[in-house]
Amino acid sequence: MAKVQTARARVLADHVGLGIKCGQLVEGPENVIKALTAAGVVDNHEDAVAYASSKGADVVAIEDPATAAEVAAAITEEKQPDPAGASQAAAS
């Protein structure tokens, strides 16, 4: 069984459902961290992680990676423009 690659990222905003708070470092499967980054929940840039580490940020593990991935997907989907809504607004 292949070992899961893990990654860290700086949390940008509190998210009660995931149990993370702004300024913390979150650690979890690399693909989940990338999804949370795309959703704007965390910043996985090495400078952001180094900054949070230098400030003594708490490191928290993602308790449920599957739920975190679902949350990231939902946030990312929510950010997408609604083509039907856009055309309706243009017609008004």
PDB file of N, CA and C in Angstrom:
ATOM      1  N   MET A   1       0.845  -1.181   0.000  1.00  0.00           N
ATOM      2  CA  MET A   1       0.000   0.000   0.000  1.00  0.00           C
ATOM      3  C   MET A   1       0.889   1.243   0.000  1.00  0.00           C
ATOM      4  N   ALA A   2       0.619   2.136  -0.901  1.00  0.00           N
ATOM      5  CA  ALA A   2       1.415   3.356  -1.018  1.00  0.00           C
ATOM      6  C   ALA A   2       1.127   4.294   0.144  1.00  0.00           C
ATOM      7  N   LYS A   3       2.184   4.937   0.596  1.00  0.00           N
ATOM      8  CA  LYS A   3       2.028   5.899   1.681  1.00  0.00           C
ATOM      9  C   LYS A   3       1.407   7.182   1.129  1.00  0.00           C
ATOM     10  N   VAL A   4       0.442   7.717   1.867  1.00  0.00           N
ATOM     11  CA  VAL A   4      -0.236   8.946   1.451  1.00  0.00           C
ATOM     12  C   VAL A   4       0.693  10.127   1.708  1.00  0.00           C
ATOM     13  N   GLN A   5       0.889  10.966   0.688  1.00  0.00           N
ATOM     14  CA  GLN A   5       1.698  12.171   0.843  1.00  0.00           C
ATOM     15  C   GLN A   5       0.912  13.176   1.670  1.00  0.00           C
ATOM     16  N   THR A   6       1.570  13.775   2.646  1.00  0.00           N
ATOM     17  CA  THR A   6       0.903  14.794   3.454  1.00  0.00           C
ATOM     18  C   THR A   6       1.492  16.157   3.148  1.00  0.00           C
ATOM     19  N   ALA A   7       0.728  17.169   3.488  1.00  0.00           N
ATOM     20  CA  ALA A   7       1.157  18.548   3.263  1.00  0.00           C
ATOM     21  C   ALA A   7       0.616  19.410   4.392  1.00  0.00           C
ATOM     22  N   ARG A   8       1.161  20.613   4.487  1.00  0.00           N
ATOM     23  CA  ARG A   8       0.696  21.594   5.467  1.00  0.00           C
ATOM     24  C   ARG A   8       0.301  22.870   4.752  1.00  0.00           C
ATOM     25  N   ALA A   9      -0.605  23.601   5.398  1.00  0.00           N
ATOM     26  CA  ALA A   9      -1.035  24.890   4.861  1.00  0.00           C
ATOM     27  C   ALA A   9      -1.485  25.774   6.015  1.00  0.00           C
ATOM     28  N   ARG A  10      -1.428  27.082   5.787  1.00  0.00           N
ATOM     29  CA  ARG A  10      -1.889  28.055   6.777  1.00  0.00           C
ATOM     30  C   ARG A  10      -3.383  28.283   6.571  1.00  0.00           C
ATOM     31  N   VAL A  11      -4.129  28.204   7.667  1.00  0.00           N
ATOM     32  CA  VAL A  11      -5.578  28.400   7.609  1.00  0.00           C
ATOM     33  C   VAL A  11      -5.869  29.895   7.475  1.00  0.00           C
ATOM     34  N   LEU A  12      -6.726  30.261   6.511  1.00  0.00           N
ATOM     35  CA  LEU A  12      -7.032  31.664   6.234  1.00  0.00           C
ATOM     36  C   LEU A  12      -8.273  32.177   6.954  1.00  0.00           C
ATOM     37  N   ALA A  13      -9.160  31.272   7.354  1.00  0.00           N
ATOM     38  CA  ALA A  13     -10.387  31.683   8.046  1.00  0.00           C
ATOM     39  C   ALA A  13     -10.892  30.520   8.888  1.00  0.00           C
ATOM     40  N   ASP A  14     -11.558  30.857   9.989  1.00  0.00           N
ATOM     41  CA  ASP A  14     -12.148  29.816  10.833  1.00  0.00           C
ATOM     42  C   ASP A  14     -13.144  28.995  10.016  1.00  0.00           C
ATOM     43  N   HIS A  15     -13.161  27.708  10.265  1.00  0.00           N
ATOM     44  CA  HIS A  15     -14.150  26.829   9.643  1.00  0.00           C
ATOM     45  C   HIS A  15     -14.556  25.804  10.693  1.00  0.00           C
ATOM     46  N   VAL A  16     -15.692  26.068  11.336  1.00  0.00           N
ATOM     47  CA  VAL A  16     -16.163  25.235  12.436  1.00  0.00           C
ATOM     48  C   VAL A  16     -16.345  23.783  12.005  1.00  0.00           C
ATOM     49  N   GLY A  17     -16.899  23.575  10.828  1.00  0.00           N
ATOM     50  CA  GLY A  17     -17.156  22.221  10.348  1.00  0.00           C
ATOM     51  C   GLY A  17     -15.903  21.374  10.219  1.00  0.00           C
ATOM     52  N   LEU A  18     -14.789  22.016   9.937  1.00  0.00           N
ATOM     53  CA  LEU A  18     -13.527  21.291   9.812  1.00  0.00           C
ATOM     54  C   LEU A  18     -12.692  21.363  11.083  1.00  0.00           C
ATOM     55  N   GLY A  19     -13.120  22.189  12.035  1.00  0.00           N
ATOM     56  CA  GLY A  19     -12.387  22.309  13.292  1.00  0.00           C
ATOM     57  C   GLY A  19     -11.062  23.034  13.153  1.00  0.00           C
ATOM     58  N   ILE A  20     -11.005  24.004  12.229  1.00  0.00           N
ATOM     59  CA  ILE A  20      -9.762  24.760  12.033  1.00  0.00           C
ATOM     60  C   ILE A  20     -10.018  26.244  12.251  1.00  0.00           C
ATOM     61  N   LYS A  21      -8.950  26.937  12.691  1.00  0.00           N
ATOM     62  CA  LYS A  21      -9.064  28.366  12.980  1.00  0.00           C
ATOM     63  C   LYS A  21      -7.989  29.142  12.233  1.00  0.00           C
ATOM     64  N   CYS A  22      -8.329  30.378  11.911  1.00  0.00           N
ATOM     65  CA  CYS A  22      -7.414  31.266  11.193  1.00  0.00           C
ATOM     66  C   CYS A  22      -6.059  31.318  11.897  1.00  0.00           C
ATOM     67  N   GLY A  23      -5.001  31.192  11.119  1.00  0.00           N
ATOM     68  CA  GLY A  23      -3.647  31.286  11.643  1.00  0.00           C
ATOM     69  C   GLY A  23      -3.025  29.953  11.998  1.00  0.00           C
ATOM     70  N   GLN A  24      -3.835  28.923  12.146  1.00  0.00           N
ATOM     71  CA  GLN A  24      -3.290  27.602  12.441  1.00  0.00           C
ATOM     72  C   GLN A  24      -2.630  27.024  11.195  1.00  0.00           C
ATOM     73  N   LEU A  25      -1.830  26.004  11.417  1.00  0.00           N
ATOM     74  CA  LEU A  25      -1.329  25.190  10.321  1.00  0.00           C
ATOM     75  C   LEU A  25      -2.140  23.910  10.319  1.00  0.00           C
ATOM     76  N   VAL A  26      -2.635  23.541   9.170  1.00  0.00           N
ATOM     77  CA  VAL A  26      -3.405  22.311   9.047  1.00  0.00           C
ATOM     78  C   VAL A  26      -2.564  21.317   8.257  1.00  0.00           C
ATOM     79  N   GLU A  27      -2.628  20.065   8.683  1.00  0.00           N
ATOM     80  CA  GLU A  27      -1.852  19.017   8.035  1.00  0.00           C
ATOM     81  C   GLU A  27      -2.793  17.895   7.621  1.00  0.00           C
ATOM     82  N   GLY A  28      -2.595  17.416   6.405  1.00  0.00           N
ATOM     83  CA  GLY A  28      -3.441  16.336   5.918  1.00  0.00           C
ATOM     84  C   GLY A  28      -2.954  15.829   4.580  1.00  0.00           C
ATOM     85  N   PRO A  29      -3.719  14.933   3.983  1.00  0.00           N
ATOM     86  CA  PRO A  29      -3.340  14.399   2.674  1.00  0.00           C
ATOM     87  C   PRO A  29      -3.140  15.539   1.664  1.00  0.00           C
ATOM     88  N   GLU A  30      -2.090  15.411   0.871  1.00  0.00           N
ATOM     89  CA  GLU A  30      -1.729  16.472  -0.073  1.00  0.00           C
ATOM     90  C   GLU A  30      -2.882  16.853  -0.996  1.00  0.00           C
ATOM     91  N   ASN A  31      -3.636  15.866  -1.476  1.00  0.00           N
ATOM     92  CA  ASN A  31      -4.735  16.182  -2.393  1.00  0.00           C
ATOM     93  C   ASN A  31      -5.835  16.984  -1.692  1.00  0.00           C
ATOM     94  N   VAL A  32      -6.061  16.735  -0.416  1.00  0.00           N
ATOM     95  CA  VAL A  32      -7.073  17.483   0.337  1.00  0.00           C
ATOM     96  C   VAL A  32      -6.586  18.908   0.593  1.00  0.00           C
ATOM     97  N   ILE A  33      -5.313  19.057   0.936  1.00  0.00           N
ATOM     98  CA  ILE A  33      -4.748  20.396   1.151  1.00  0.00           C
ATOM     99  C   ILE A  33      -4.834  21.200  -0.146  1.00  0.00           C
ATOM    100  N   LYS A  34      -4.542  20.570  -1.278  1.00  0.00           N
ATOM    101  CA  LYS A  34      -4.646  21.267  -2.570  1.00  0.00           C
ATOM    102  C   LYS A  34      -6.083  21.689  -2.854  1.00  0.00           C
ATOM    103  N   ALA A  35      -7.043  20.825  -2.528  1.00  0.00           N
ATOM    104  CA  ALA A  35      -8.458  21.163  -2.747  1.00  0.00           C
ATOM    105  C   ALA A  35      -8.886  22.318  -1.845  1.00  0.00           C
ATOM    106  N   LEU A  36      -8.448  22.302  -0.593  1.00  0.00           N
ATOM    107  CA  LEU A  36      -8.778  23.399   0.330  1.00  0.00           C
ATOM    108  C   LEU A  36      -8.113  24.700  -0.116  1.00  0.00           C
ATOM    109  N   THR A  37      -6.927  24.598  -0.706  1.00  0.00           N
ATOM    110  CA  THR A  37      -6.247  25.780  -1.241  1.00  0.00           C
ATOM    111  C   THR A  37      -7.039  26.353  -2.411  1.00  0.00           C
ATOM    112  N   ALA A  38      -7.475  25.494  -3.321  1.00  0.00           N
ATOM    113  CA  ALA A  38      -8.271  25.949  -4.468  1.00  0.00           C
ATOM    114  C   ALA A  38      -9.574  26.599  -4.018  1.00  0.00           C
ATOM    115  N   ALA A  39     -10.107  26.138  -2.896  1.00  0.00           N
ATOM    116  CA  ALA A  39     -11.356  26.695  -2.362  1.00  0.00           C
ATOM    117  C   ALA A  39     -11.126  27.996  -1.596  1.00  0.00           C
ATOM    118  N   GLY A  40      -9.856  28.325  -1.325  1.00  0.00           N
ATOM    119  CA  GLY A  40      -9.549  29.566  -0.610  1.00  0.00           C
ATOM    120  C   GLY A  40      -9.628  29.448   0.902  1.00  0.00           C
ATOM    121  N   VAL A  41      -9.670  28.224   1.410  1.00  0.00           N
ATOM    122  CA  VAL A  41      -9.759  28.006   2.855  1.00  0.00           C
ATOM    123  C   VAL A  41      -8.381  28.090   3.501  1.00  0.00           C
ATOM    124  N   VAL A  42      -7.361  27.624   2.777  1.00  0.00           N
ATOM    125  CA  VAL A  42      -5.995  27.614   3.291  1.00  0.00           C
ATOM    126  C   VAL A  42      -5.039  28.144   2.227  1.00  0.00           C
ATOM    127  N   ASP A  43      -3.817  28.448   2.667  1.00  0.00           N
ATOM    128  CA  ASP A  43      -2.750  28.879   1.762  1.00  0.00           C
ATOM    129  C   ASP A  43      -1.605  27.890   1.921  1.00  0.00           C
ATOM    130  N   ASN A  44      -1.316  27.132   0.873  1.00  0.00           N
ATOM    131  CA  ASN A  44      -0.259  26.127   0.971  1.00  0.00           C
ATOM    132  C   ASN A  44       1.085  26.604   0.430  1.00  0.00           C
ATOM    133  N   HIS A  45       1.204  27.872   0.105  1.00  0.00           N
ATOM    134  CA  HIS A  45       2.489  28.388  -0.380  1.00  0.00           C
ATOM    135  C   HIS A  45       3.526  28.241   0.724  1.00  0.00           C
ATOM    136  N   GLU A  46       4.720  27.867   0.349  1.00  0.00           N
ATOM    137  CA  GLU A  46       5.770  27.623   1.344  1.00  0.00           C
ATOM    138  C   GLU A  46       6.030  28.842   2.224  1.00  0.00           C
ATOM    139  N   ASP A  47       5.892  30.055   1.696  1.00  0.00           N
ATOM    140  CA  ASP A  47       6.101  31.260   2.510  1.00  0.00           C
ATOM    141  C   ASP A  47       5.014  31.411   3.570  1.00  0.00           C
ATOM    142  N   ALA A  48       3.784  31.073   3.225  1.00  0.00           N
ATOM    143  CA  ALA A  48       2.678  31.157   4.190  1.00  0.00           C
ATOM    144  C   ALA A  48       2.880  30.150   5.313  1.00  0.00           C
ATOM    145  N   VAL A  49       3.299  28.950   4.950  1.00  0.00           N
ATOM    146  CA  VAL A  49       3.546  27.911   5.949  1.00  0.00           C
ATOM    147  C   VAL A  49       4.724  28.311   6.838  1.00  0.00           C
ATOM    148  N   ALA A  50       5.790  28.838   6.238  1.00  0.00           N
ATOM    149  CA  ALA A  50       6.956  29.268   7.015  1.00  0.00           C
ATOM    150  C   ALA A  50       6.596  30.404   7.964  1.00  0.00           C
ATOM    151  N   TYR A  51       5.781  31.351   7.496  1.00  0.00           N
ATOM    152  CA  TYR A  51       5.360  32.472   8.338  1.00  0.00           C
ATOM    153  C   TYR A  51       4.575  31.969   9.548  1.00  0.00           C
ATOM    154  N   ALA A  52       3.596  31.114   9.300  1.00  0.00           N
ATOM    155  CA  ALA A  52       2.786  30.590  10.403  1.00  0.00           C
ATOM    156  C   ALA A  52       3.656  29.807  11.383  1.00  0.00           C
ATOM    157  N   SER A  53       4.591  29.041  10.866  1.00  0.00           N
ATOM    158  CA  SER A  53       5.503  28.287  11.734  1.00  0.00           C
ATOM    159  C   SER A  53       6.348  29.219  12.580  1.00  0.00           C
ATOM    160  N   SER A  54       6.827  30.308  11.961  1.00  0.00           N
ATOM    161  CA  SER A  54       7.679  31.257  12.692  1.00  0.00           C
ATOM    162  C   SER A  54       6.918  31.977  13.795  1.00  0.00           C
ATOM    163  N   LYS A  55       5.607  32.048  13.666  1.00  0.00           N
ATOM    164  CA  LYS A  55       4.764  32.697  14.676  1.00  0.00           C
ATOM    165  C   LYS A  55       4.273  31.702  15.729  1.00  0.00           C
ATOM    166  N   GLY A  56       4.717  30.461  15.621  1.00  0.00           N
ATOM    167  CA  GLY A  56       4.336  29.452  16.603  1.00  0.00           C
ATOM    168  C   GLY A  56       2.924  28.924  16.442  1.00  0.00           C
ATOM    169  N   ALA A  57       2.424  28.926  15.228  1.00  0.00           N
ATOM    170  CA  ALA A  57       1.054  28.460  14.971  1.00  0.00           C
ATOM    171  C   ALA A  57       0.878  27.009  15.397  1.00  0.00           C
ATOM    172  N   ASP A  58      -0.291  26.732  15.952  1.00  0.00           N
ATOM    173  CA  ASP A  58      -0.639  25.350  16.286  1.00  0.00           C
ATOM    174  C   ASP A  58      -0.775  24.547  15.000  1.00  0.00           C
ATOM    175  N   VAL A  59      -0.334  23.299  15.040  1.00  0.00           N
ATOM    176  CA  VAL A  59      -0.498  22.395  13.908  1.00  0.00           C
ATOM    177  C   VAL A  59      -1.636  21.439  14.254  1.00  0.00           C
ATOM    178  N   VAL A  60      -2.655  21.434  13.411  1.00  0.00           N
ATOM    179  CA  VAL A  60      -3.796  20.543  13.623  1.00  0.00           C
ATOM    180  C   VAL A  60      -3.930  19.611  12.423  1.00  0.00           C
ATOM    181  N   ALA A  61      -4.291  18.388  12.715  1.00  0.00           N
ATOM    182  CA  ALA A  61      -4.489  17.402  11.651  1.00  0.00           C
ATOM    183  C   ALA A  61      -5.931  17.455  11.177  1.00  0.00           C
ATOM    184  N   ILE A  62      -6.117  17.230   9.899  1.00  0.00           N
ATOM    185  CA  ILE A  62      -7.470  17.112   9.364  1.00  0.00           C
ATOM    186  C   ILE A  62      -8.021  15.792   9.893  1.00  0.00           C
ATOM    187  N   GLU A  63      -9.073  15.885  10.686  1.00  0.00           N
ATOM    188  CA  GLU A  63      -9.647  14.697  11.322  1.00  0.00           C
ATOM    189  C   GLU A  63     -10.326  13.773  10.320  1.00  0.00           C
ATOM    190  N   ASP A  64     -11.037  14.345   9.373  1.00  0.00           N
ATOM    191  CA  ASP A  64     -11.798  13.552   8.404  1.00  0.00           C
ATOM    192  C   ASP A  64     -11.500  14.067   6.993  1.00  0.00           C
ATOM    193  N   PRO A  65     -10.461  13.520   6.353  1.00  0.00           N
ATOM    194  CA  PRO A  65     -10.081  14.004   5.024  1.00  0.00           C
ATOM    195  C   PRO A  65     -11.197  13.941   3.988  1.00  0.00           C
ATOM    196  N   ALA A  66     -12.050  12.931   4.059  1.00  0.00           N
ATOM    197  CA  ALA A  66     -13.137  12.815   3.076  1.00  0.00           C
ATOM    198  C   ALA A  66     -14.107  13.980   3.207  1.00  0.00           C
ATOM    199  N   THR A  67     -14.457  14.341   4.436  1.00  0.00           N
ATOM    200  CA  THR A  67     -15.353  15.477   4.657  1.00  0.00           C
ATOM    201  C   THR A  67     -14.683  16.770   4.222  1.00  0.00           C
ATOM    202  N   ALA A  68     -13.401  16.931   4.534  1.00  0.00           N
ATOM    203  CA  ALA A  68     -12.677  18.139   4.134  1.00  0.00           C
ATOM    204  C   ALA A  68     -12.664  18.278   2.618  1.00  0.00           C
ATOM    205  N   ALA A  69     -12.480  17.173   1.908  1.00  0.00           N
ATOM    206  CA  ALA A  69     -12.488  17.209   0.440  1.00  0.00           C
ATOM    207  C   ALA A  69     -13.869  17.588  -0.086  1.00  0.00           C
ATOM    208  N   GLU A  70     -14.928  17.078   0.559  1.00  0.00           N
ATOM    209  CA  GLU A  70     -16.297  17.430   0.157  1.00  0.00           C
ATOM    210  C   GLU A  70     -16.570  18.911   0.383  1.00  0.00           C
ATOM    211  N   VAL A  71     -16.123  19.433   1.521  1.00  0.00           N
ATOM    212  CA  VAL A  71     -16.306  20.856   1.824  1.00  0.00           C
ATOM    213  C   VAL A  71     -15.581  21.700   0.784  1.00  0.00           C
ATOM    214  N   ALA A  72     -14.348  21.333   0.470  1.00  0.00           N
ATOM    215  CA  ALA A  72     -13.577  22.076  -0.530  1.00  0.00           C
ATOM    216  C   ALA A  72     -14.278  22.059  -1.881  1.00  0.00           C
ATOM    217  N   ALA A  73     -14.795  20.905  -2.272  1.00  0.00           N
ATOM    218  CA  ALA A  73     -15.495  20.800  -3.559  1.00  0.00           C
ATOM    219  C   ALA A  73     -16.749  21.665  -3.568  1.00  0.00           C
ATOM    220  N   ALA A  74     -17.483  21.667  -2.464  1.00  0.00           N
ATOM    221  CA  ALA A  74     -18.706  22.474  -2.386  1.00  0.00           C
ATOM    222  C   ALA A  74     -18.389  23.960  -2.460  1.00  0.00           C
ATOM    223  N   ILE A  75     -17.340  24.386  -1.777  1.00  0.00           N
ATOM    224  CA  ILE A  75     -16.954  25.801  -1.803  1.00  0.00           C
ATOM    225  C   ILE A  75     -16.513  26.192  -3.207  1.00  0.00           C
ATOM    226  N   THR A  76     -15.709  25.349  -3.829  1.00  0.00           N
ATOM    227  CA  THR A  76     -15.219  25.636  -5.175  1.00  0.00           C
ATOM    228  C   THR A  76     -16.381  25.710  -6.159  1.00  0.00           C
ATOM    229  N   GLU A  77     -17.334  24.791  -6.036  1.00  0.00           N
ATOM    230  CA  GLU A  77     -18.510  24.790  -6.916  1.00  0.00           C
ATOM    231  C   GLU A  77     -19.340  26.051  -6.709  1.00  0.00           C
ATOM    232  N   GLU A  78     -19.459  26.465  -5.457  1.00  0.00           N
ATOM    233  CA  GLU A  78     -20.240  27.664  -5.123  1.00  0.00           C
ATOM    234  C   GLU A  78     -19.625  28.919  -5.745  1.00  0.00           C
ATOM    235  N   LYS A  79     -18.305  28.915  -5.917  1.00  0.00           N
ATOM    236  CA  LYS A  79     -17.608  30.075  -6.477  1.00  0.00           C
ATOM    237  C   LYS A  79     -17.769  30.186  -7.987  1.00  0.00           C
ATOM    238  N   GLN A  80     -18.189  29.093  -8.642  1.00  0.00           N
ATOM    239  CA  GLN A  80     -18.313  29.093 -10.097  1.00  0.00           C
ATOM    240  C   GLN A  80     -19.508  29.933 -10.517  1.00  0.00           C
ATOM    241  N   PRO A  81     -19.356  30.723 -11.576  1.00  0.00           N
ATOM    242  CA  PRO A  81     -20.489  31.520 -12.057  1.00  0.00           C
ATOM    243  C   PRO A  81     -21.591  30.606 -12.578  1.00  0.00           C
ATOM    244  N   ASP A  82     -22.808  31.032 -12.397  1.00  0.00           N
ATOM    245  CA  ASP A  82     -23.970  30.282 -12.866  1.00  0.00           C
ATOM    246  C   ASP A  82     -24.323  30.779 -14.261  1.00  0.00           C
ATOM    247  N   PRO A  83     -24.002  30.000 -15.295  1.00  0.00           N
ATOM    248  CA  PRO A  83     -24.270  30.460 -16.658  1.00  0.00           C
ATOM    249  C   PRO A  83     -25.745  30.775 -16.895  1.00  0.00           C
ATOM    250  N   ALA A  84     -26.648  29.998 -16.329  1.00  0.00           N
ATOM    251  CA  ALA A  84     -28.080  30.257 -16.510  1.00  0.00           C
ATOM    252  C   ALA A  84     -28.466  31.555 -15.823  1.00  0.00           C
ATOM    253  N   GLY A  85     -27.955  31.768 -14.628  1.00  0.00           N
ATOM    254  CA  GLY A  85     -28.251  32.994 -13.891  1.00  0.00           C
ATOM    255  C   GLY A  85     -27.681  34.217 -14.584  1.00  0.00           C
ATOM    256  N   ALA A  86     -26.509  34.059 -15.173  1.00  0.00           N
ATOM    257  CA  ALA A  86     -25.877  35.178 -15.862  1.00  0.00           C
ATOM    258  C   ALA A  86     -26.684  35.581 -17.090  1.00  0.00           C
ATOM    259  N   SER A  87     -27.193  34.592 -17.823  1.00  0.00           N
ATOM    260  CA  SER A  87     -27.965  34.922 -19.023  1.00  0.00           C
ATOM    261  C   SER A  87     -29.320  35.510 -18.652  1.00  0.00           C
ATOM    262  N   GLN A  88     -29.902  35.058 -17.544  1.00  0.00           N
ATOM    263  CA  GLN A  88     -31.171  35.617 -17.089  1.00  0.00           C
ATOM    264  C   GLN A  88     -30.985  37.063 -16.654  1.00  0.00           C
ATOM    265  N   ALA A  89     -29.875  37.343 -15.989  1.00  0.00           N
ATOM    266  CA  ALA A  89     -29.610  38.709 -15.539  1.00  0.00           C
ATOM    267  C   ALA A  89     -29.392  39.627 -16.740  1.00  0.00           C
ATOM    268  N   ALA A  90     -28.730  39.110 -17.772  1.00  0.00           N
ATOM    269  CA  ALA A  90     -28.475  39.912 -18.964  1.00  0.00           C
ATOM    270  C   ALA A  90     -29.768  40.201 -19.723  1.00  0.00           C
ATOM    271  N   ALA A  91     -30.715  39.271 -19.660  1.00  0.00           N
ATOM    272  CA  ALA A  91     -31.981  39.444 -20.368  1.00  0.00           C
ATOM    273  C   ALA A  91     -32.896  40.448 -19.676  1.00  0.00           C
ATOM    274  N   SER A  92     -32.662  40.682 -18.392  1.00  0.00           N
ATOM    275  CA  SER A  92     -33.541  41.591 -17.627  1.00  0.00           C
ATOM    276  C   SER A  92     -33.340  43.029 -17.994  1.00  0.00           C
TER     277      SER A  92
END
